[in-house]
Amino acid sequence: MQVQTKHYPKNCLLTIMDRYSAVVRNMEQVVMLPSFLRDMQLNGQGQQAQDGALDLYNCFTMLKAIRVDVDYGLLPREDWWSKVAGVRAHEAEHEAAETEEDKEERVLGQLDLEAQFHLHFSSLHHILTHLTLKAEEMTRKYQEILGQAM
């Protein structure tokens, strides 16, 4: 299947996001039986997944979930915070122990928003590019598994 993307500049975040969505949609169309992906590693030829390693099925579901966020946006802030309530409680304990000097450093760090934007932008660009390659690799691997099974 041909991946169609809109015409934005090559390194534009919208180009990377469109390409990721298109590649994952293609992966979803090719992978008709995701259960074939259970206990298989992405890098191994028919090897069983090792303990703690992400198997193809978990990788498949992760890529799909991220595509939903890329296509439709993030959860509302309240819903997102309820998901990370445990992390939030831990941060509250940490903030109580924070000194006045640490608070000043944090405020100064927040003032340099342009630098933070560029850091997060380049990180997002890199991550989406990496996930796009992973989705393409998963599609190829699934097609290889089907070719071996038949």
N, C-alpha and C. Protein backbone atom coordinates (compact mmCIF):
# COMPACT_ATOMS: atom_id res chain seq x y z
N MET A 1 0.84 -1.18 0.00
CA MET A 1 0.00 0.00 0.00
C MET A 1 0.88 1.24 0.00
N GLN A 2 0.52 2.19 -0.82
CA GLN A 2 1.27 3.44 -0.92
C GLN A 2 0.90 4.37 0.22
N VAL A 3 1.91 4.91 0.89
CA VAL A 3 1.68 5.85 1.99
C VAL A 3 1.56 7.24 1.40
N GLN A 4 0.39 7.87 1.61
CA GLN A 4 0.19 9.22 1.11
C GLN A 4 0.34 10.21 2.25
N THR A 5 1.09 11.25 1.99
CA THR A 5 1.25 12.29 2.99
C THR A 5 0.91 13.63 2.36
N LYS A 6 0.53 14.58 3.18
CA LYS A 6 0.27 15.93 2.71
C LYS A 6 1.60 16.59 2.42
N HIS A 7 1.56 17.69 1.69
CA HIS A 7 2.79 18.35 1.29
C HIS A 7 3.14 19.48 2.26
N TYR A 8 4.03 19.18 3.17
CA TYR A 8 4.61 20.15 4.09
C TYR A 8 6.12 20.08 3.88
N PRO A 9 6.86 21.05 4.39
CA PRO A 9 8.32 20.95 4.30
C PRO A 9 8.81 19.63 4.91
N LYS A 10 9.92 19.14 4.41
CA LYS A 10 10.42 17.81 4.79
C LYS A 10 10.56 17.61 6.30
N ASN A 11 11.15 18.53 7.01
CA ASN A 11 11.39 18.36 8.44
C ASN A 11 10.31 18.98 9.31
N CYS A 12 9.19 19.32 8.71
CA CYS A 12 8.07 19.89 9.46
C CYS A 12 7.46 18.80 10.34
N LEU A 13 7.10 19.16 11.55
CA LEU A 13 6.50 18.20 12.48
C LEU A 13 5.22 17.62 11.91
N LEU A 14 4.45 18.42 11.16
CA LEU A 14 3.21 17.92 10.56
C LEU A 14 3.51 16.82 9.54
N THR A 15 4.60 16.94 8.80
CA THR A 15 4.99 15.90 7.85
C THR A 15 5.31 14.61 8.58
N ILE A 16 6.06 14.72 9.66
CA ILE A 16 6.45 13.54 10.44
C ILE A 16 5.21 12.89 11.06
N MET A 17 4.29 13.71 11.58
CA MET A 17 3.07 13.17 12.19
C MET A 17 2.17 12.51 11.14
N ASP A 18 2.02 13.13 9.98
CA ASP A 18 1.21 12.53 8.91
C ASP A 18 1.81 11.21 8.44
N ARG A 19 3.12 11.19 8.28
CA ARG A 19 3.78 9.95 7.84
C ARG A 19 3.60 8.85 8.86
N TYR A 20 3.77 9.18 10.14
CA TYR A 20 3.59 8.18 11.20
C TYR A 20 2.16 7.62 11.17
N SER A 21 1.17 8.51 11.08
CA SER A 21 -0.23 8.06 11.05
C SER A 21 -0.49 7.16 9.85
N ALA A 22 0.02 7.54 8.70
CA ALA A 22 -0.20 6.76 7.48
C ALA A 22 0.46 5.39 7.58
N VAL A 23 1.68 5.33 8.11
CA VAL A 23 2.40 4.06 8.22
C VAL A 23 1.70 3.15 9.23
N VAL A 24 1.22 3.70 10.34
CA VAL A 24 0.54 2.87 11.34
C VAL A 24 -0.82 2.41 10.80
N ARG A 25 -1.54 3.26 10.06
CA ARG A 25 -2.79 2.82 9.44
C ARG A 25 -2.53 1.68 8.47
N ASN A 26 -1.45 1.78 7.70
CA ASN A 26 -1.07 0.71 6.78
C ASN A 26 -0.76 -0.57 7.58
N MET A 27 -0.03 -0.43 8.69
CA MET A 27 0.30 -1.58 9.54
C MET A 27 -0.99 -2.24 10.03
N GLU A 28 -1.96 -1.44 10.46
CA GLU A 28 -3.23 -1.98 10.94
C GLU A 28 -3.98 -2.74 9.86
N GLN A 29 -3.90 -2.25 8.61
CA GLN A 29 -4.56 -2.93 7.51
C GLN A 29 -3.86 -4.23 7.13
N VAL A 30 -2.55 -4.25 7.23
CA VAL A 30 -1.79 -5.46 6.88
C VAL A 30 -1.92 -6.52 7.98
N VAL A 31 -1.84 -6.10 9.23
CA VAL A 31 -1.87 -7.05 10.35
C VAL A 31 -3.33 -7.38 10.64
N MET A 32 -3.82 -8.42 9.99
CA MET A 32 -5.21 -8.83 10.14
C MET A 32 -5.42 -9.69 11.39
N LEU A 33 -4.40 -10.41 11.79
CA LEU A 33 -4.48 -11.27 12.97
C LEU A 33 -3.35 -10.90 13.94
N PRO A 34 -3.57 -9.90 14.77
CA PRO A 34 -2.52 -9.45 15.69
C PRO A 34 -2.07 -10.55 16.66
N SER A 35 -2.90 -11.55 16.89
CA SER A 35 -2.52 -12.62 17.82
C SER A 35 -1.30 -13.39 17.32
N PHE A 36 -1.02 -13.37 16.02
CA PHE A 36 0.21 -13.99 15.51
C PHE A 36 1.46 -13.33 16.09
N LEU A 37 1.32 -12.11 16.54
CA LEU A 37 2.47 -11.34 17.01
C LEU A 37 2.84 -11.63 18.46
N ARG A 38 2.00 -12.35 19.17
CA ARG A 38 2.28 -12.63 20.58
C ARG A 38 3.56 -13.47 20.73
N ASP A 39 4.34 -13.11 21.73
CA ASP A 39 5.57 -13.82 22.10
C ASP A 39 6.62 -13.84 21.01
N MET A 40 6.56 -12.90 20.08
CA MET A 40 7.57 -12.79 19.02
C MET A 40 8.31 -11.47 19.21
N GLN A 41 9.63 -11.52 19.05
CA GLN A 41 10.43 -10.29 19.14
C GLN A 41 10.58 -9.67 17.78
N LEU A 42 10.71 -8.35 17.77
CA LEU A 42 10.83 -7.62 16.51
C LEU A 42 12.14 -7.93 15.81
N ASN A 43 13.22 -8.05 16.57
CA ASN A 43 14.53 -8.24 15.95
C ASN A 43 14.90 -9.69 15.71
N GLY A 44 14.22 -10.64 16.31
CA GLY A 44 14.58 -12.05 16.16
C GLY A 44 13.74 -12.74 15.12
N GLN A 45 14.33 -13.69 14.42
CA GLN A 45 13.64 -14.47 13.40
C GLN A 45 12.90 -15.61 14.08
N GLY A 46 11.64 -15.38 14.46
CA GLY A 46 10.83 -16.42 15.06
C GLY A 46 11.22 -16.76 16.48
N GLN A 47 12.01 -15.93 17.13
CA GLN A 47 12.44 -16.20 18.50
C GLN A 47 11.34 -15.82 19.47
N GLN A 48 11.30 -16.51 20.60
CA GLN A 48 10.36 -16.16 21.66
C GLN A 48 10.83 -14.89 22.34
N ALA A 49 9.88 -14.10 22.84
CA ALA A 49 10.21 -12.86 23.54
C ALA A 49 10.84 -13.19 24.89
N GLN A 50 11.88 -12.46 25.24
CA GLN A 50 12.54 -12.65 26.52
C GLN A 50 11.75 -11.92 27.59
N ASP A 51 11.97 -12.30 28.86
CA ASP A 51 11.30 -11.63 29.96
C ASP A 51 11.62 -10.15 29.95
N GLY A 52 10.59 -9.32 30.07
CA GLY A 52 10.78 -7.87 30.11
C GLY A 52 10.90 -7.23 28.74
N ALA A 53 11.10 -8.02 27.69
CA ALA A 53 11.22 -7.47 26.34
C ALA A 53 9.82 -7.24 25.76
N LEU A 54 9.68 -6.19 24.98
CA LEU A 54 8.42 -5.85 24.35
C LEU A 54 8.20 -6.78 23.17
N ASP A 55 7.13 -7.59 23.21
CA ASP A 55 6.87 -8.48 22.08
C ASP A 55 6.15 -7.70 20.98
N LEU A 56 6.00 -8.31 19.81
CA LEU A 56 5.41 -7.63 18.67
C LEU A 56 3.98 -7.20 18.93
N TYR A 57 3.22 -8.01 19.66
CA TYR A 57 1.82 -7.66 19.94
C TYR A 57 1.74 -6.39 20.80
N ASN A 58 2.55 -6.32 21.86
CA ASN A 58 2.56 -5.13 22.71
C ASN A 58 3.05 -3.91 21.94
N CYS A 59 4.04 -4.10 21.09
CA CYS A 59 4.54 -3.01 20.25
C CYS A 59 3.44 -2.54 19.29
N PHE A 60 2.71 -3.46 18.71
CA PHE A 60 1.60 -3.17 17.80
C PHE A 60 0.54 -2.32 18.50
N THR A 61 0.13 -2.73 19.69
CA THR A 61 -0.89 -1.99 20.42
C THR A 61 -0.37 -0.61 20.86
N MET A 62 0.91 -0.52 21.22
CA MET A 62 1.50 0.77 21.60
C MET A 62 1.49 1.73 20.41
N LEU A 63 1.92 1.25 19.24
CA LEU A 63 1.96 2.09 18.04
C LEU A 63 0.55 2.58 17.67
N LYS A 64 -0.46 1.71 17.82
CA LYS A 64 -1.83 2.12 17.54
C LYS A 64 -2.31 3.18 18.52
N ALA A 65 -2.00 3.02 19.80
CA ALA A 65 -2.43 3.97 20.82
C ALA A 65 -1.79 5.34 20.59
N ILE A 66 -0.52 5.34 20.22
CA ILE A 66 0.16 6.60 19.95
C ILE A 66 -0.44 7.28 18.73
N ARG A 67 -0.82 6.49 17.71
CA ARG A 67 -1.43 7.06 16.51
C ARG A 67 -2.73 7.77 16.86
N VAL A 68 -3.51 7.21 17.76
CA VAL A 68 -4.76 7.86 18.17
C VAL A 68 -4.46 9.22 18.79
N ASP A 69 -3.43 9.29 19.64
CA ASP A 69 -3.04 10.56 20.24
C ASP A 69 -2.55 11.55 19.18
N VAL A 70 -1.79 11.07 18.20
CA VAL A 70 -1.28 11.94 17.15
C VAL A 70 -2.43 12.46 16.29
N ASP A 71 -3.40 11.60 15.98
CA ASP A 71 -4.50 12.00 15.11
C ASP A 71 -5.54 12.86 15.82
N TYR A 72 -5.85 12.54 17.06
CA TYR A 72 -6.98 13.19 17.74
C TYR A 72 -6.59 14.07 18.91
N GLY A 73 -5.32 14.12 19.24
CA GLY A 73 -4.88 14.95 20.35
C GLY A 73 -4.82 14.18 21.64
N LEU A 74 -4.34 14.85 22.66
CA LEU A 74 -4.19 14.24 23.97
C LEU A 74 -5.52 14.19 24.69
N LEU A 75 -5.55 13.38 25.74
CA LEU A 75 -6.71 13.35 26.62
C LEU A 75 -6.88 14.71 27.26
N PRO A 76 -8.09 15.05 27.68
CA PRO A 76 -8.23 16.29 28.45
C PRO A 76 -7.33 16.23 29.68
N ARG A 77 -6.85 17.37 30.08
CA ARG A 77 -5.86 17.45 31.16
C ARG A 77 -6.32 16.72 32.42
N GLU A 78 -7.60 16.84 32.78
CA GLU A 78 -8.10 16.20 33.99
C GLU A 78 -8.01 14.67 33.88
N ASP A 79 -8.37 14.14 32.72
CA ASP A 79 -8.29 12.69 32.53
C ASP A 79 -6.85 12.21 32.59
N TRP A 80 -5.96 12.98 31.98
CA TRP A 80 -4.56 12.60 31.98
C TRP A 80 -4.01 12.60 33.40
N TRP A 81 -4.37 13.62 34.18
CA TRP A 81 -3.88 13.70 35.56
C TRP A 81 -4.42 12.56 36.40
N SER A 82 -5.63 12.13 36.14
CA SER A 82 -6.17 11.02 36.92
C SER A 82 -5.41 9.73 36.63
N LYS A 83 -4.88 9.60 35.42
CA LYS A 83 -4.09 8.41 35.07
C LYS A 83 -2.74 8.39 35.78
N VAL A 84 -2.21 9.56 36.04
CA VAL A 84 -0.88 9.63 36.65
C VAL A 84 -0.97 10.11 38.09
N ALA A 85 -2.06 9.77 38.77
CA ALA A 85 -2.27 10.23 40.15
C ALA A 85 -1.14 9.76 41.07
N GLY A 86 -0.64 8.56 40.86
CA GLY A 86 0.45 8.06 41.68
C GLY A 86 1.70 8.90 41.53
N VAL A 87 2.01 9.30 40.32
CA VAL A 87 3.17 10.14 40.06
C VAL A 87 2.95 11.51 40.70
N ARG A 88 1.74 11.98 40.64
CA ARG A 88 1.41 13.29 41.19
C ARG A 88 1.63 13.32 42.71
N ALA A 89 1.22 12.26 43.39
CA ALA A 89 1.41 12.20 44.84
C ALA A 89 2.90 12.21 45.18
N HIS A 90 3.69 11.50 44.40
CA HIS A 90 5.13 11.45 44.62
C HIS A 90 5.74 12.83 44.41
N GLU A 91 5.28 13.55 43.38
CA GLU A 91 5.80 14.89 43.11
C GLU A 91 5.45 15.86 44.25
N ALA A 92 4.26 15.69 44.84
CA ALA A 92 3.85 16.57 45.94
C ALA A 92 4.79 16.38 47.14
N GLU A 93 5.17 15.15 47.41
CA GLU A 93 6.11 14.90 48.49
C GLU A 93 7.46 15.55 48.18
N HIS A 94 7.88 15.45 46.93
CA HIS A 94 9.16 16.01 46.51
C HIS A 94 9.15 17.54 46.62
N GLU A 95 8.04 18.16 46.21
CA GLU A 95 7.94 19.62 46.28
C GLU A 95 7.99 20.13 47.71
N ALA A 96 7.43 19.35 48.65
CA ALA A 96 7.45 19.76 50.06
C ALA A 96 8.89 19.82 50.56
N ALA A 97 9.74 18.96 50.06
CA ALA A 97 11.13 18.92 50.49
C ALA A 97 12.01 19.90 49.71
N GLU A 98 11.46 20.55 48.71
CA GLU A 98 12.22 21.46 47.84
C GLU A 98 12.56 22.76 48.59
N THR A 99 13.77 23.20 48.44
CA THR A 99 14.20 24.45 49.10
C THR A 99 13.85 25.66 48.25
N GLU A 100 13.96 26.82 48.82
CA GLU A 100 13.67 28.07 48.11
C GLU A 100 14.59 28.25 46.92
N GLU A 101 15.85 27.86 47.07
CA GLU A 101 16.82 27.98 45.98
C GLU A 101 16.42 27.09 44.80
N ASP A 102 15.95 25.89 45.09
CA ASP A 102 15.50 24.99 44.03
C ASP A 102 14.30 25.58 43.29
N LYS A 103 13.41 26.23 44.03
CA LYS A 103 12.24 26.85 43.39
C LYS A 103 12.66 27.97 42.45
N GLU A 104 13.66 28.76 42.85
CA GLU A 104 14.15 29.83 41.98
C GLU A 104 14.74 29.27 40.70
N GLU A 105 15.51 28.18 40.81
CA GLU A 105 16.10 27.54 39.63
C GLU A 105 15.01 27.04 38.69
N ARG A 106 13.96 26.48 39.26
CA ARG A 106 12.87 25.96 38.44
C ARG A 106 12.17 27.10 37.70
N VAL A 107 11.94 28.22 38.36
CA VAL A 107 11.30 29.39 37.73
C VAL A 107 12.18 29.93 36.61
N LEU A 108 13.48 30.03 36.85
CA LEU A 108 14.39 30.51 35.80
C LEU A 108 14.39 29.56 34.62
N GLY A 109 14.32 28.26 34.88
CA GLY A 109 14.26 27.28 33.81
C GLY A 109 12.99 27.42 32.98
N GLN A 110 11.90 27.80 33.62
CA GLN A 110 10.64 27.98 32.90
C GLN A 110 10.65 29.23 32.04
N LEU A 111 11.49 30.19 32.38
CA LEU A 111 11.54 31.42 31.61
C LEU A 111 12.15 31.21 30.23
N ASP A 112 12.99 30.23 30.08
CA ASP A 112 13.62 29.98 28.78
C ASP A 112 12.74 29.03 27.97
N LEU A 113 11.54 29.48 27.66
CA LEU A 113 10.56 28.64 26.97
C LEU A 113 10.99 28.29 25.55
N GLU A 114 11.69 29.18 24.89
CA GLU A 114 12.10 28.90 23.52
C GLU A 114 13.07 27.71 23.49
N ALA A 115 14.01 27.69 24.41
CA ALA A 115 14.96 26.57 24.48
C ALA A 115 14.24 25.27 24.82
N GLN A 116 13.29 25.35 25.74
CA GLN A 116 12.52 24.16 26.09
C GLN A 116 11.71 23.68 24.89
N PHE A 117 11.10 24.61 24.16
CA PHE A 117 10.33 24.25 22.97
C PHE A 117 11.20 23.51 21.97
N HIS A 118 12.38 24.04 21.68
CA HIS A 118 13.27 23.40 20.70
C HIS A 118 13.72 22.02 21.17
N LEU A 119 13.97 21.88 22.45
CA LEU A 119 14.35 20.57 22.98
C LEU A 119 13.22 19.56 22.79
N HIS A 120 12.02 19.93 23.19
CA HIS A 120 10.88 19.01 23.08
C HIS A 120 10.48 18.76 21.63
N PHE A 121 10.57 19.79 20.81
CA PHE A 121 10.25 19.66 19.39
C PHE A 121 11.19 18.67 18.72
N SER A 122 12.48 18.84 18.95
CA SER A 122 13.44 17.92 18.33
C SER A 122 13.29 16.51 18.88
N SER A 123 12.98 16.39 20.17
CA SER A 123 12.75 15.06 20.76
C SER A 123 11.53 14.40 20.14
N LEU A 124 10.44 15.15 20.00
CA LEU A 124 9.23 14.60 19.39
C LEU A 124 9.49 14.20 17.94
N HIS A 125 10.22 15.01 17.22
CA HIS A 125 10.57 14.71 15.83
C HIS A 125 11.34 13.38 15.77
N HIS A 126 12.33 13.24 16.63
CA HIS A 126 13.14 12.03 16.67
C HIS A 126 12.30 10.80 17.05
N ILE A 127 11.48 10.93 18.06
CA ILE A 127 10.67 9.80 18.54
C ILE A 127 9.68 9.35 17.47
N LEU A 128 8.99 10.30 16.83
CA LEU A 128 8.02 9.93 15.80
C LEU A 128 8.71 9.28 14.60
N THR A 129 9.88 9.76 14.25
CA THR A 129 10.63 9.13 13.16
C THR A 129 11.01 7.70 13.53
N HIS A 130 11.47 7.50 14.76
CA HIS A 130 11.84 6.16 15.23
C HIS A 130 10.60 5.24 15.26
N LEU A 131 9.47 5.73 15.74
CA LEU A 131 8.26 4.91 15.79
C LEU A 131 7.74 4.58 14.40
N THR A 132 7.90 5.50 13.45
CA THR A 132 7.51 5.23 12.07
C THR A 132 8.33 4.08 11.50
N LEU A 133 9.63 4.11 11.74
CA LEU A 133 10.49 3.01 11.28
C LEU A 133 10.10 1.69 11.95
N LYS A 134 9.76 1.74 13.22
CA LYS A 134 9.34 0.55 13.95
C LYS A 134 8.05 -0.02 13.37
N ALA A 135 7.09 0.84 13.01
CA ALA A 135 5.84 0.39 12.41
C ALA A 135 6.08 -0.25 11.05
N GLU A 136 6.97 0.35 10.26
CA GLU A 136 7.31 -0.24 8.96
C GLU A 136 7.97 -1.60 9.14
N GLU A 137 8.86 -1.69 10.12
CA GLU A 137 9.54 -2.96 10.39
C GLU A 137 8.55 -4.02 10.87
N MET A 138 7.60 -3.61 11.71
CA MET A 138 6.60 -4.56 12.20
C MET A 138 5.75 -5.08 11.06
N THR A 139 5.38 -4.21 10.13
CA THR A 139 4.58 -4.64 8.97
C THR A 139 5.35 -5.66 8.15
N ARG A 140 6.64 -5.40 7.91
CA ARG A 140 7.46 -6.37 7.17
C ARG A 140 7.56 -7.70 7.92
N LYS A 141 7.77 -7.62 9.23
CA LYS A 141 7.91 -8.83 10.04
C LYS A 141 6.63 -9.66 10.00
N TYR A 142 5.48 -9.00 10.10
CA TYR A 142 4.20 -9.72 10.04
C TYR A 142 4.05 -10.42 8.69
N GLN A 143 4.42 -9.72 7.62
CA GLN A 143 4.32 -10.34 6.29
C GLN A 143 5.27 -11.53 6.17
N GLU A 144 6.45 -11.45 6.80
CA GLU A 144 7.36 -12.59 6.82
C GLU A 144 6.77 -13.76 7.60
N ILE A 145 6.15 -13.47 8.74
CA ILE A 145 5.54 -14.52 9.57
C ILE A 145 4.43 -15.21 8.77
N LEU A 146 3.61 -14.44 8.09
CA LEU A 146 2.54 -15.03 7.28
C LEU A 146 3.11 -15.86 6.15
N GLY A 147 4.20 -15.38 5.54
CA GLY A 147 4.83 -16.14 4.46
C GLY A 147 5.39 -17.47 4.95
N GLN A 148 5.91 -17.51 6.16
CA GLN A 148 6.43 -18.75 6.74
C GLN A 148 5.31 -19.69 7.17
N ALA A 149 4.18 -19.13 7.63
CA ALA A 149 3.10 -19.95 8.14
C ALA A 149 2.34 -20.65 7.02
N MET A 150 2.39 -20.08 5.83
CA MET A 150 1.61 -20.64 4.72
C MET A 150 2.39 -21.59 3.90
